[in-house]
Protein backbone atom coordinates (compact mmCIF):
# COMPACT_ATOMS: atom_id res chain seq x y z
CA MET A 1 -0.16 0.07 0.26
CA LYS A 2 2.54 2.39 0.79
CA LYS A 3 4.31 1.73 -2.73
CA VAL A 4 1.11 2.40 -4.40
CA LEU A 5 0.87 6.12 -2.15
CA TRP A 6 4.34 7.10 -3.34
CA PHE A 7 3.25 5.86 -7.01
CA VAL A 8 -0.09 8.42 -7.06
CA VAL A 9 2.41 11.19 -4.99
CA GLY A 10 4.92 10.54 -7.96
CA LEU A 11 2.43 10.77 -10.08
CA ALA A 12 0.79 13.81 -9.09
CA GLY A 13 4.22 15.65 -8.76
CA GLY A 14 5.42 15.00 -12.41
CA PHE A 15 2.05 16.80 -13.29
CA VAL A 16 2.40 19.30 -10.99
CA ALA A 17 5.87 20.12 -12.42
CA ALA A 18 5.09 19.73 -15.78
CA HIS A 19 2.61 22.18 -15.73
CA PHE A 20 5.27 24.80 -14.22
CA VAL A 21 7.20 23.87 -17.04
CA ASN A 22 4.91 24.23 -19.60
CA LYS A 23 4.23 27.80 -18.35
CA ASP A 24 7.35 28.97 -18.96
CA PRO A 25 8.14 29.53 -22.70
CA ARG A 26 11.51 27.86 -22.86
CA GLY A 27 10.14 24.60 -20.63
CA HIS A 28 6.98 24.90 -23.44
CA GLU A 29 9.70 24.35 -26.00
CA VAL A 30 11.31 21.15 -24.66
CA LEU A 31 7.76 19.69 -23.58
CA ALA A 32 6.77 20.31 -27.65
CA GLU A 33 9.88 18.46 -28.74
CA VAL A 34 9.46 15.61 -26.25
CA ASP A 35 5.84 15.53 -27.71
CA ALA A 36 6.98 15.64 -31.21
CA ARG A 37 9.67 12.76 -30.73
CA ILE A 38 7.43 10.74 -29.24
CA THR A 39 4.22 10.93 -31.82
CA GLU A 40 7.33 10.27 -34.42
CA PHE A 41 8.73 7.40 -32.45
CA THR A 42 4.58 5.77 -32.67
CA ASP A 43 4.41 6.63 -36.31
CA ARG A 44 7.00 4.61 -37.16
CA ILE A 45 6.33 2.20 -34.71
CA GLY A 46 2.58 2.13 -36.53
CA ASP A 47 4.34 2.15 -39.63
CA ALA A 48 6.55 -0.96 -39.27
CA TYR A 49 3.46 -3.05 -37.89
CA ARG A 50 1.29 -2.15 -40.59
CA ALA A 51 4.23 -3.19 -42.95
CA GLN A 52 4.86 -6.55 -41.07
CA GLU A 53 1.26 -7.24 -41.17
CA ALA A 54 0.95 -6.50 -44.94
CA LYS A 55 3.57 -9.20 -45.59
CA ILE A 56 2.12 -11.58 -43.24
CA ASP A 57 -1.11 -10.97 -45.13
CA GLY A 58 0.54 -11.54 -48.19
CA LEU A 59 2.10 -14.60 -47.18
CA ALA A 60 -1.18 -16.00 -46.18
CA GLU A 61 -2.33 -15.58 -49.33
CA ASN A 62 0.44 -17.37 -51.02
CA VAL A 63 -0.14 -20.21 -48.88
CA LYS A 64 -3.94 -20.32 -49.92
CA GLY A 65 -2.87 -20.03 -53.36
CA ALA A 66 -0.67 -22.89 -53.14
CA ALA A 67 -2.82 -24.90 -50.96
CA SER A 68 -5.53 -24.20 -53.74
CA HIS A 69 -3.70 -25.34 -56.43
CA ALA A 70 -2.61 -28.82 -54.13
CA VAL A 71 -6.34 -29.36 -53.52
CA GLU A 72 -7.29 -29.28 -57.37
CA SER A 73 -4.20 -30.97 -58.34
CA ALA A 74 -4.94 -33.98 -56.34
CA LYS A 75 -9.03 -34.23 -57.66
CA ASP A 76 -7.32 -34.27 -61.23
CA ALA A 77 -5.26 -37.02 -60.01
CA VAL A 78 -7.98 -38.81 -58.28
CA ALA A 79 -10.43 -38.20 -61.06
CA ASP A 80 -7.46 -39.80 -63.25
CA VAL A 81 -7.23 -42.97 -61.40
CA VAL A 82 -11.04 -43.36 -60.99
CA ASP A 83 -11.45 -43.03 -65.06
CA ALA A 84 -8.52 -45.58 -65.73
CA ALA A 85 -10.29 -48.21 -62.75
CA ALA A 86 -13.32 -47.66 -64.78
CA ASP A 87 -11.67 -48.20 -68.18
CA ALA A 88 -9.96 -50.95 -66.34
CA VAL A 89 -13.23 -52.71 -65.23
CA SER A 90 -15.12 -51.86 -68.46
CA HIS A 91 -12.45 -53.62 -70.51
CA ASN A 92 -12.59 -56.87 -68.10
CA ASP A 93 -16.18 -57.53 -68.66
């Protein structure tokens, strides 16, 4: 409980300090620069995430296409075997 109290006191102190720093024009510039850097960082992380997501989506589409092609090839092979067996049975009769 004591740790939570210190955390809350530190958080409140940080807000108060940021408020006073923001009142000073130089402090306002510093906070604006920090905000700009944080925004740039989050934008880069978001772009990297979206790029990876697109890459994974592309790979998934390729796998789906390959699987579909394999299933179609297997169906064709089975149909050929069935036709050959039917022909063999009809020739033996």
